C-alpha atoms as a PDB file:
ATOM      1  CA  MET A   1     115.568 126.965  76.726  1.00  0.00           C
ATOM      2  CA  GLN A   2     114.387 127.370  80.311  1.00  0.00           C
ATOM      3  CA  HIS A   3     112.126 130.310  81.156  1.00  0.00           C
ATOM      4  CA  ASN A   4     111.014 131.820  84.441  1.00  0.00           C
ATOM      5  CA  TYR A   5     107.300 132.440  84.817  1.00  0.00           C
ATOM      6  CA  VAL A   6     104.961 134.614  86.874  1.00  0.00           C
ATOM      7  CA  ALA A   7     101.217 134.294  87.451  1.00  0.00           C
ATOM      8  CA  PHE A   8      98.993 135.657  84.705  1.00  0.00           C
ATOM      9  CA  SER A   9      95.244 136.063  84.299  1.00  0.00           C
ATOM     10  CA  GLN A  10      92.853 137.386  81.702  1.00  0.00           C
ATOM     11  CA  ALA A  11      89.596 138.788  83.006  1.00  0.00           C
ATOM     12  CA  ASP A  12      86.421 139.666  81.114  1.00  0.00           C
ATOM     13  CA  VAL A  13      84.941 142.905  82.463  1.00  0.00           C
ATOM     14  CA  PHE A  14      81.381 144.274  82.569  1.00  0.00           C
ATOM     15  CA  THR A  15      79.898 140.806  82.223  1.00  0.00           C
ATOM     16  CA  GLN A  16      79.284 137.672  84.275  1.00  0.00           C
ATOM     17  CA  ILE A  17      79.300 135.545  81.110  1.00  0.00           C
ATOM     18  CA  PRO A  18      82.770 134.721  79.764  1.00  0.00           C
ATOM     19  CA  TYR A  19      83.656 136.243  76.382  1.00  0.00           C
ATOM     20  CA  GLN A  20      80.803 138.789  76.388  1.00  0.00           C
ATOM     21  CA  GLY A  21      82.626 141.749  77.976  1.00  0.00           C
ATOM     22  CA  ASN A  22      85.968 143.497  77.539  1.00  0.00           C
ATOM     23  CA  PRO A  23      89.124 141.475  78.265  1.00  0.00           C
ATOM     24  CA  VAL A  24      92.151 142.727  80.157  1.00  0.00           C
ATOM     25  CA  ALA A  25      95.413 140.851  80.664  1.00  0.00           C
ATOM     26  CA  VAL A  26      96.662 141.052  84.255  1.00  0.00           C
ATOM     27  CA  ILE A  27     100.216 140.125  85.295  1.00  0.00           C
ATOM     28  CA  ILE A  28     100.198 139.373  89.028  1.00  0.00           C
ATOM     29  CA  ASP A  29     103.795 140.135  90.062  1.00  0.00           C
ATOM     30  CA  GLY A  30     104.443 143.297  88.087  1.00  0.00           C
ATOM     31  CA  ASP A  31     107.492 144.291  90.152  1.00  0.00           C
ATOM     32  CA  LYS A  32     109.553 141.768  88.204  1.00  0.00           C
ATOM     33  CA  PHE A  33     109.198 143.643  84.910  1.00  0.00           C
ATOM     34  CA  SER A  34     110.954 146.747  83.602  1.00  0.00           C
ATOM     35  CA  ASP A  35     109.000 149.540  81.912  1.00  0.00           C
ATOM     36  CA  ASP A  36     110.208 148.401  78.484  1.00  0.00           C
ATOM     37  CA  GLU A  37     109.230 144.799  79.224  1.00  0.00           C
ATOM     38  CA  MET A  38     105.755 145.885  80.309  1.00  0.00           C
ATOM     39  CA  GLN A  39     105.265 147.771  77.054  1.00  0.00           C
ATOM     40  CA  LYS A  40     106.631 144.847  75.026  1.00  0.00           C
ATOM     41  CA  ILE A  41     104.196 142.414  76.671  1.00  0.00           C
ATOM     42  CA  ALA A  42     101.249 144.793  76.180  1.00  0.00           C
ATOM     43  CA  ASN A  43     102.124 145.022  72.500  1.00  0.00           C
ATOM     44  CA  TRP A  44     102.312 141.231  72.332  1.00  0.00           C
ATOM     45  CA  THR A  45      98.979 140.526  74.060  1.00  0.00           C
ATOM     46  CA  ASN A  46      97.471 143.106  71.681  1.00  0.00           C
ATOM     47  CA  LEU A  47      94.483 143.716  73.949  1.00  0.00           C
ATOM     48  CA  SER A  48      93.144 147.209  74.479  1.00  0.00           C
ATOM     49  CA  GLU A  49      94.920 147.143  77.872  1.00  0.00           C
ATOM     50  CA  THR A  50      97.384 144.964  79.776  1.00  0.00           C
ATOM     51  CA  THR A  51      98.020 145.654  83.460  1.00  0.00           C
ATOM     52  CA  PHE A  52     100.719 144.866  86.011  1.00  0.00           C
ATOM     53  CA  LEU A  53      99.913 144.522  89.718  1.00  0.00           C
ATOM     54  CA  CYS A  54     102.816 146.101  91.611  1.00  0.00           C
ATOM     55  CA  SER A  55     103.701 146.924  95.207  1.00  0.00           C
ATOM     56  CA  PRO A  56     102.240 150.290  96.303  1.00  0.00           C
ATOM     57  CA  THR A  57     104.450 153.287  97.037  1.00  0.00           C
ATOM     58  CA  ASN A  58     101.666 155.031  98.981  1.00  0.00           C
ATOM     59  CA  PRO A  59     100.820 153.369 102.332  1.00  0.00           C
ATOM     60  CA  ALA A  60      97.135 154.196 101.805  1.00  0.00           C
ATOM     61  CA  ALA A  61      97.024 151.981  98.692  1.00  0.00           C
ATOM     62  CA  ASP A  62      96.479 148.225  98.563  1.00  0.00           C
ATOM     63  CA  TYR A  63      98.414 147.879  95.294  1.00  0.00           C
ATOM     64  CA  ARG A  64      99.846 149.929  92.441  1.00  0.00           C
ATOM     65  CA  LEU A  65      98.562 149.373  88.910  1.00  0.00           C
ATOM     66  CA  ARG A  66     100.514 150.000  85.700  1.00  0.00           C
ATOM     67  CA  ILE A  67      98.240 150.145  82.650  1.00  0.00           C
ATOM     68  CA  PHE A  68      99.475 149.751  79.063  1.00  0.00           C
ATOM     69  CA  THR A  69      97.862 149.781  75.633  1.00  0.00           C
ATOM     70  CA  PRO A  70      99.765 148.135  72.764  1.00  0.00           C
ATOM     71  CA  LYS A  71     101.393 151.544  72.152  1.00  0.00           C
ATOM     72  CA  GLU A  72     101.706 153.449  75.438  1.00  0.00           C
ATOM     73  CA  GLU A  73     101.204 153.605  79.192  1.00  0.00           C
ATOM     74  CA  LEU A  74      97.993 155.162  80.545  1.00  0.00           C
ATOM     75  CA  SER A  75      97.555 157.144  83.745  1.00  0.00           C
ATOM     76  CA  PHE A  76      94.120 155.579  84.313  1.00  0.00           C
ATOM     77  CA  ALA A  77      91.594 153.341  82.577  1.00  0.00           C
ATOM     78  CA  GLY A  78      88.219 152.002  83.656  1.00  0.00           C
ATOM     79  CA  HIS A  79      87.736 148.367  82.715  1.00  0.00           C
ATOM     80  CA  PRO A  80      91.380 147.489  83.572  1.00  0.00           C
ATOM     81  CA  THR A  81      90.776 148.940  87.041  1.00  0.00           C
ATOM     82  CA  ILE A  82      87.827 146.611  87.632  1.00  0.00           C
ATOM     83  CA  GLY A  83      89.406 143.559  86.003  1.00  0.00           C
ATOM     84  CA  SER A  84      92.683 143.997  87.878  1.00  0.00           C
ATOM     85  CA  ALA A  85      90.889 144.453  91.202  1.00  0.00           C
ATOM     86  CA  LYS A  86      88.956 141.236  90.547  1.00  0.00           C
ATOM     87  CA  VAL A  87      92.163 139.329  89.816  1.00  0.00           C
ATOM     88  CA  ALA A  88      93.941 140.820  92.848  1.00  0.00           C
ATOM     89  CA  LEU A  89      91.109 139.746  95.160  1.00  0.00           C
ATOM     90  CA  ASN A  90      90.969 136.275  93.599  1.00  0.00           C
ATOM     91  CA  ASN A  91      94.712 135.948  94.236  1.00  0.00           C
ATOM     92  CA  GLY A  92      94.438 136.633  97.947  1.00  0.00           C
ATOM     93  CA  LEU A  93      94.653 140.415  98.282  1.00  0.00           C
ATOM     94  CA  LYS A  94      93.384 141.505 101.712  1.00  0.00           C
ATOM     95  CA  PRO A  95      92.263 145.156 101.474  1.00  0.00           C
ATOM     96  CA  GLN A  96      92.939 147.545 104.340  1.00  0.00           C
ATOM     97  CA  HIS A  97      89.229 148.431 104.374  1.00  0.00           C
ATOM     98  CA  PRO A  98      86.382 145.891 104.483  1.00  0.00           C
ATOM     99  CA  GLU A  99      84.181 147.672 101.901  1.00  0.00           C
ATOM    100  CA  TYR A 100      86.694 148.930  99.354  1.00  0.00           C
ATOM    101  CA  LEU A 101      90.248 148.628  98.132  1.00  0.00           C
ATOM    102  CA  VAL A 102      92.534 151.440  97.021  1.00  0.00           C
ATOM    103  CA  GLN A 103      94.355 151.369  93.698  1.00  0.00           C
ATOM    104  CA  GLU A 104      97.418 153.527  93.220  1.00  0.00           C
ATOM    105  CA  CYS A 105      98.039 154.567  89.616  1.00  0.00           C
ATOM    106  CA  ALA A 106      99.607 157.468  87.734  1.00  0.00           C
ATOM    107  CA  LYS A 107      96.376 159.452  88.162  1.00  0.00           C
ATOM    108  CA  GLY A 108      96.529 159.056  91.949  1.00  0.00           C
ATOM    109  CA  LEU A 109      94.570 156.940  94.431  1.00  0.00           C
ATOM    110  CA  VAL A 110      91.356 155.378  93.110  1.00  0.00           C
ATOM    111  CA  PRO A 111      88.896 153.693  95.515  1.00  0.00           C
ATOM    112  CA  VAL A 112      87.315 150.486  94.191  1.00  0.00           C
ATOM    113  CA  TYR A 113      84.148 149.538  96.074  1.00  0.00           C
ATOM    114  CA  MET A 114      83.014 145.951  96.589  1.00  0.00           C
ATOM    115  CA  LYS A 115      79.229 145.565  96.334  1.00  0.00           C
ATOM    116  CA  GLN A 116      78.127 141.920  96.414  1.00  0.00           C
ATOM    117  CA  ASP A 117      79.589 140.380  93.223  1.00  0.00           C
ATOM    118  CA  LYS A 118      80.300 143.735  91.567  1.00  0.00           C
ATOM    119  CA  LEU A 119      83.149 146.211  91.677  1.00  0.00           C
ATOM    120  CA  PHE A 120      82.828 149.994  91.260  1.00  0.00           C
ATOM    121  CA  PHE A 121      85.577 152.556  90.805  1.00  0.00           C
ATOM    122  CA  ALA A 122      85.169 156.156  91.871  1.00  0.00           C
ATOM    123  CA  LEU A 123      85.624 158.392  88.862  1.00  0.00           C
ATOM    124  CA  PRO A 124      88.518 160.848  89.221  1.00  0.00           C
ATOM    125  CA  GLU A 125      87.440 164.495  89.427  1.00  0.00           C
ATOM    126  CA  PRO A 126      86.315 165.337  85.873  1.00  0.00           C
ATOM    127  CA  GLU A 127      87.194 168.346  83.752  1.00  0.00           C
ATOM    128  CA  VAL A 128      84.799 169.358  80.955  1.00  0.00           C
ATOM    129  CA  LYS A 129      85.661 171.630  78.021  1.00  0.00           C
ATOM    130  CA  PRO A 130      83.888 172.636  74.791  1.00  0.00           C
ATOM    131  CA  ILE A 131      84.859 171.269  71.368  1.00  0.00           C
ATOM    132  CA  PRO A 132      85.552 173.952  68.723  1.00  0.00           C
ATOM    133  CA  SER A 133      82.837 173.867  66.042  1.00  0.00           C
ATOM    134  CA  ASP A 134      85.225 173.322  63.118  1.00  0.00           C
ATOM    135  CA  LEU A 135      86.895 170.400  64.905  1.00  0.00           C
ATOM    136  CA  LEU A 136      83.499 168.927  65.798  1.00  0.00           C
ATOM    137  CA  GLU A 137      82.439 169.010  62.145  1.00  0.00           C
ATOM    138  CA  ALA A 138      85.643 167.232  61.146  1.00  0.00           C
ATOM    139  CA  ILE A 139      85.166 164.595  63.880  1.00  0.00           C
ATOM    140  CA  ALA A 140      81.582 164.015  62.715  1.00  0.00           C
ATOM    141  CA  GLN A 141      82.853 163.428  59.176  1.00  0.00           C
ATOM    142  CA  ALA A 142      85.560 161.047  60.418  1.00  0.00           C
ATOM    143  CA  LEU A 143      82.948 159.083  62.379  1.00  0.00           C
ATOM    144  CA  GLY A 144      80.807 158.679  59.265  1.00  0.00           C
ATOM    145  CA  LEU A 145      78.042 160.788  60.784  1.00  0.00           C
ATOM    146  CA  PRO A 146      75.929 161.984  57.822  1.00  0.00           C
ATOM    147  CA  ASN A 147      74.179 164.825  59.645  1.00  0.00           C
ATOM    148  CA  ILE A 148      75.912 167.189  62.077  1.00  0.00           C
ATOM    149  CA  HIS A 149      72.478 167.945  63.539  1.00  0.00           C
ATOM    150  CA  SER A 150      72.410 164.403  64.960  1.00  0.00           C
ATOM    151  CA  ILE A 151      74.797 165.711  67.635  1.00  0.00           C
ATOM    152  CA  LYS A 152      72.777 167.009  70.589  1.00  0.00           C
ATOM    153  CA  LEU A 153      75.761 167.776  72.833  1.00  0.00           C
ATOM    154  CA  ALA A 154      79.546 167.509  72.483  1.00  0.00           C
ATOM    155  CA  LYS A 155      82.270 168.050  75.087  1.00  0.00           C
ATOM    156  CA  VAL A 156      85.840 167.087  75.878  1.00  0.00           C
ATOM    157  CA  VAL A 157      85.632 165.170  79.158  1.00  0.00           C
ATOM    158  CA  ASP A 158      88.774 164.358  81.133  1.00  0.00           C
ATOM    159  CA  VAL A 159      88.194 161.602  83.699  1.00  0.00           C
ATOM    160  CA  GLY A 160      91.815 160.524  83.892  1.00  0.00           C
ATOM    161  CA  ALA A 161      91.347 159.431  80.291  1.00  0.00           C
ATOM    162  CA  VAL A 162      90.362 162.206  77.860  1.00  0.00           C
ATOM    163  CA  TRP A 163      87.336 161.488  75.677  1.00  0.00           C
ATOM    164  CA  TYR A 164      85.719 163.638  73.007  1.00  0.00           C
ATOM    165  CA  THR A 165      82.185 162.762  74.068  1.00  0.00           C
ATOM    166  CA  LEU A 166      79.176 163.128  71.760  1.00  0.00           C
ATOM    167  CA  TYR A 167      75.525 162.782  72.766  1.00  0.00           C
ATOM    168  CA  LEU A 168      73.635 161.677  69.638  1.00  0.00           C
ATOM    169  CA  ASP A 169      69.957 161.753  68.747  1.00  0.00           C
ATOM    170  CA  THR A 170      69.166 158.025  68.496  1.00  0.00           C
ATOM    171  CA  VAL A 171      70.599 154.587  69.228  1.00  0.00           C
ATOM    172  CA  GLU A 172      70.340 153.876  65.500  1.00  0.00           C
ATOM    173  CA  THR A 173      72.695 156.778  64.808  1.00  0.00           C
ATOM    174  CA  VAL A 174      75.154 155.485  67.421  1.00  0.00           C
ATOM    175  CA  LEU A 175      75.138 151.995  65.910  1.00  0.00           C
ATOM    176  CA  SER A 176      75.458 153.261  62.331  1.00  0.00           C
ATOM    177  CA  LEU A 177      78.877 154.864  62.768  1.00  0.00           C
ATOM    178  CA  ASN A 178      81.887 153.471  60.900  1.00  0.00           C
ATOM    179  CA  PRO A 179      84.877 155.663  61.801  1.00  0.00           C
ATOM    180  CA  ASP A 180      87.883 156.365  59.624  1.00  0.00           C
ATOM    181  CA  ASP A 181      90.736 155.590  62.028  1.00  0.00           C
ATOM    182  CA  ARG A 182      93.373 157.604  60.188  1.00  0.00           C
ATOM    183  CA  GLN A 183      91.157 160.672  60.063  1.00  0.00           C
ATOM    184  CA  LEU A 184      90.376 160.457  63.774  1.00  0.00           C
ATOM    185  CA  VAL A 185      94.026 160.055  64.717  1.00  0.00           C
ATOM    186  CA  SER A 186      94.972 163.101  62.633  1.00  0.00           C
ATOM    187  CA  LEU A 187      92.235 165.237  64.244  1.00  0.00           C
ATOM    188  CA  LEU A 188      92.550 164.462  67.942  1.00  0.00           C
ATOM    189  CA  PRO A 189      95.276 166.088  70.071  1.00  0.00           C
ATOM    190  CA  LYS A 190      98.082 163.923  71.447  1.00  0.00           C
ATOM    191  CA  GLY A 191      97.125 162.465  74.822  1.00  0.00           C
ATOM    192  CA  THR A 192      93.473 162.047  73.869  1.00  0.00           C
ATOM    193  CA  SER A 193      91.985 158.590  74.462  1.00  0.00           C
ATOM    194  CA  GLY A 194      89.514 158.853  71.599  1.00  0.00           C
ATOM    195  CA  VAL A 195      85.851 159.487  70.862  1.00  0.00           C
ATOM    196  CA  THR A 196      82.918 158.120  72.856  1.00  0.00           C
ATOM    197  CA  VAL A 197      79.371 158.467  71.530  1.00  0.00           C
ATOM    198  CA  PHE A 198      76.098 157.695  73.268  1.00  0.00           C
ATOM    199  CA  ALA A 199      72.324 157.958  73.021  1.00  0.00           C
ATOM    200  CA  LEU A 200      69.444 157.372  75.405  1.00  0.00           C
ATOM    201  CA  THR A 201      67.469 154.171  74.878  1.00  0.00           C
ATOM    202  CA  ASP A 202      63.984 152.932  75.649  1.00  0.00           C
ATOM    203  CA  GLY A 203      65.032 149.330  76.248  1.00  0.00           C
ATOM    204  CA  LYS A 204      66.366 147.306  79.187  1.00  0.00           C
ATOM    205  CA  THR A 205      69.203 149.800  79.616  1.00  0.00           C
ATOM    206  CA  GLU A 206      69.013 153.582  79.670  1.00  0.00           C
ATOM    207  CA  VAL A 207      72.090 154.413  77.566  1.00  0.00           C
ATOM    208  CA  GLU A 208      73.835 152.874  74.526  1.00  0.00           C
ATOM    209  CA  VAL A 209      77.570 153.639  74.225  1.00  0.00           C
ATOM    210  CA  ARG A 210      80.410 153.172  71.723  1.00  0.00           C
ATOM    211  CA  SER A 211      84.077 154.148  72.176  1.00  0.00           C
ATOM    212  CA  PHE A 212      86.775 154.512  69.504  1.00  0.00           C
ATOM    213  CA  ALA A 213      90.487 154.809  70.359  1.00  0.00           C
ATOM    214  CA  PRO A 214      92.517 154.353  67.150  1.00  0.00           C
ATOM    215  CA  ALA A 215      95.480 156.398  68.400  1.00  0.00           C
ATOM    216  CA  GLN A 216      95.953 153.704  71.062  1.00  0.00           C
ATOM    217  CA  GLY A 217      95.734 150.943  68.466  1.00  0.00           C
ATOM    218  CA  VAL A 218      92.086 150.155  69.299  1.00  0.00           C
ATOM    219  CA  HIS A 219      89.533 150.680  66.517  1.00  0.00           C
ATOM    220  CA  GLU A 220      86.611 150.132  68.885  1.00  0.00           C
ATOM    221  CA  ASP A 221      86.785 149.407  72.620  1.00  0.00           C
ATOM    222  CA  PRO A 222      84.137 146.708  73.239  1.00  0.00           C
ATOM    223  CA  VAL A 223      83.111 147.946  76.715  1.00  0.00           C
ATOM    224  CA  CYS A 224      84.893 151.027  78.016  1.00  0.00           C
ATOM    225  CA  GLY A 225      84.897 152.044  81.682  1.00  0.00           C
ATOM    226  CA  SER A 226      86.435 155.504  81.327  1.00  0.00           C
ATOM    227  CA  GLY A 227      84.336 156.202  78.225  1.00  0.00           C
ATOM    228  CA  ASN A 228      81.237 155.431  80.259  1.00  0.00           C
ATOM    229  CA  GLY A 229      82.646 157.676  82.961  1.00  0.00           C
ATOM    230  CA  ALA A 230      82.786 160.552  80.466  1.00  0.00           C
ATOM    231  CA  VAL A 231      79.190 159.811  79.467  1.00  0.00           C
ATOM    232  CA  ALA A 232      78.119 159.750  83.122  1.00  0.00           C
ATOM    233  CA  VAL A 233      79.626 163.208  83.678  1.00  0.00           C
ATOM    234  CA  LEU A 234      77.460 164.662  80.896  1.00  0.00           C
ATOM    235  CA  VAL A 235      74.370 162.707  81.966  1.00  0.00           C
ATOM    236  CA  LYS A 236      74.760 164.189  85.442  1.00  0.00           C
ATOM    237  CA  GLU A 237      75.695 167.740  84.418  1.00  0.00           C
ATOM    238  CA  GLU A 238      72.949 168.027  81.804  1.00  0.00           C
ATOM    239  CA  GLN A 239      70.374 166.056  83.846  1.00  0.00           C
ATOM    240  CA  LEU A 240      69.663 163.791  80.885  1.00  0.00           C
ATOM    241  CA  LEU A 241      68.054 161.135  83.100  1.00  0.00           C
ATOM    242  CA  ALA A 242      65.686 161.673  86.003  1.00  0.00           C
ATOM    243  CA  LYS A 243      67.486 159.122  88.177  1.00  0.00           C
ATOM    244  CA  SER A 244      70.744 158.776  90.078  1.00  0.00           C
ATOM    245  CA  HIS A 245      71.444 155.174  89.034  1.00  0.00           C
ATOM    246  CA  TYR A 246      71.327 153.828  85.501  1.00  0.00           C
ATOM    247  CA  LEU A 247      72.453 150.917  83.322  1.00  0.00           C
ATOM    248  CA  ALA A 248      74.415 151.348  80.089  1.00  0.00           C
ATOM    249  CA  SER A 249      74.990 148.800  77.336  1.00  0.00           C
ATOM    250  CA  GLN A 250      78.014 148.623  75.050  1.00  0.00           C
ATOM    251  CA  GLY A 251      79.641 146.201  72.643  1.00  0.00           C
ATOM    252  CA  GLN A 252      76.826 145.289  70.262  1.00  0.00           C
ATOM    253  CA  LYS A 253      78.860 146.175  67.155  1.00  0.00           C
ATOM    254  CA  CYS A 254      81.787 144.110  68.506  1.00  0.00           C
ATOM    255  CA  GLY A 255      79.660 141.026  69.158  1.00  0.00           C
ATOM    256  CA  ARG A 256      79.651 141.662  72.923  1.00  0.00           C
ATOM    257  CA  SER A 257      76.928 142.439  75.458  1.00  0.00           C
ATOM    258  CA  GLY A 258      78.604 144.497  78.162  1.00  0.00           C
ATOM    259  CA  LEU A 259      76.586 146.014  81.000  1.00  0.00           C
ATOM    260  CA  ILE A 260      77.856 149.007  82.960  1.00  0.00           C
ATOM    261  CA  GLU A 261      76.223 150.233  86.159  1.00  0.00           C
ATOM    262  CA  VAL A 262      76.483 153.942  86.953  1.00  0.00           C
ATOM    263  CA  ASP A 263      75.792 155.612  90.294  1.00  0.00           C
ATOM    264  CA  LEU A 264      75.683 159.388  89.823  1.00  0.00           C
ATOM    265  CA  ASP A 265      75.501 160.391  93.458  1.00  0.00           C
ATOM    266  CA  ASN A 266      77.695 158.417  95.820  1.00  0.00           C
ATOM    267  CA  GLN A 267      78.463 161.173  98.354  1.00  0.00           C
ATOM    268  CA  GLY A 268      79.380 163.504  95.514  1.00  0.00           C
ATOM    269  CA  GLN A 269      81.232 160.827  93.524  1.00  0.00           C
ATOM    270  CA  ILE A 270      80.317 159.114  90.277  1.00  0.00           C
ATOM    271  CA  LEU A 271      80.776 155.335  90.467  1.00  0.00           C
ATOM    272  CA  ILE A 272      81.258 153.130  87.398  1.00  0.00           C
ATOM    273  CA  GLY A 273      81.011 149.396  87.872  1.00  0.00           C
ATOM    274  CA  GLY A 274      79.851 145.948  86.997  1.00  0.00           C
ATOM    275  CA  GLN A 275      80.815 142.322  87.136  1.00  0.00           C
ATOM    276  CA  ALA A 276      84.001 140.608  86.002  1.00  0.00           C
ATOM    277  CA  VAL A 277      85.025 137.008  85.472  1.00  0.00           C
ATOM    278  CA  GLU A 278      88.444 135.386  85.031  1.00  0.00           C
ATOM    279  CA  CYS A 279      88.592 133.503  81.717  1.00  0.00           C
ATOM    280  CA  ILE A 280      92.283 132.535  81.643  1.00  0.00           C
ATOM    281  CA  LYS A 281      94.536 131.643  84.579  1.00  0.00           C
ATOM    282  CA  GLY A 282      98.105 130.519  84.132  1.00  0.00           C
ATOM    283  CA  GLN A 283     101.651 131.806  83.787  1.00  0.00           C
ATOM    284  CA  ILE A 284     103.521 134.163  81.514  1.00  0.00           C
ATOM    285  CA  ALA A 285     107.239 133.994  80.758  1.00  0.00           C
ATOM    286  CA  LEU A 286     109.621 136.664  81.954  1.00  0.00           C
ATOM    287  CA  PRO A 287     111.402 138.177  78.926  1.00  0.00           C
ATOM    288  CA  GLU A 288     114.980 137.163  78.148  1.00  0.00           C
ATOM    289  CA  ARG A 289     117.528 139.604  79.595  1.00  0.00           C
END
């Protein structure tokens, strides 16, 4: 049986070393796929996200990005934004602006800045809300957190993706968690990305992060851009670090060593970024119709 193919890539994000970051599958000519086909392919790749580079509908954008988990389409996600921008540039995209490109997605227009060999996305305007105390206690239990007093701060942070974001007392506490996926899914409202936890470190990075998204079919996201965005919002609002630029690490419990750079004050914007490398380049078959 003959198949038609389009260009396909898989990028590793928040690393310069292949297989140490968070992978994203990127289909180059997304206009050739229907919505159902996009979802079917995302379910098949079974990565935390699969993206489709499409023609923009807004003249201010360089491209339009469709982002899918194995279960649903997302309005925005962090590491797919960086990985897809890397693939687009490697495949000849010429941005309208010399210093940044503009991604159109369901959340709106997202600038992606090019700084040497790194890419940074501007975090969408965040919205921060409290977590009810009874729900927080239930989330702590679902995470396997033995002591509720280990939580120093907890907020719902919407950065295009909605994360229940918990600031914990130590890195050891962060790394000790073993969430019950079913419990978390039953507790979190529909439309929530999941739970991101973090603690300050005294090592080579300033922050250690973990992100759990079982409702999207992802037990633990190895290195999560939007989760780090939610953390950055709290770090900035609560002045947890006496600096405007910091480095976060994520992925240790997944066997990865992702590094995320955060700029808290880019003309009023929060920038989340890092390196990315293409690990797979080839073709993917168009589905039978």
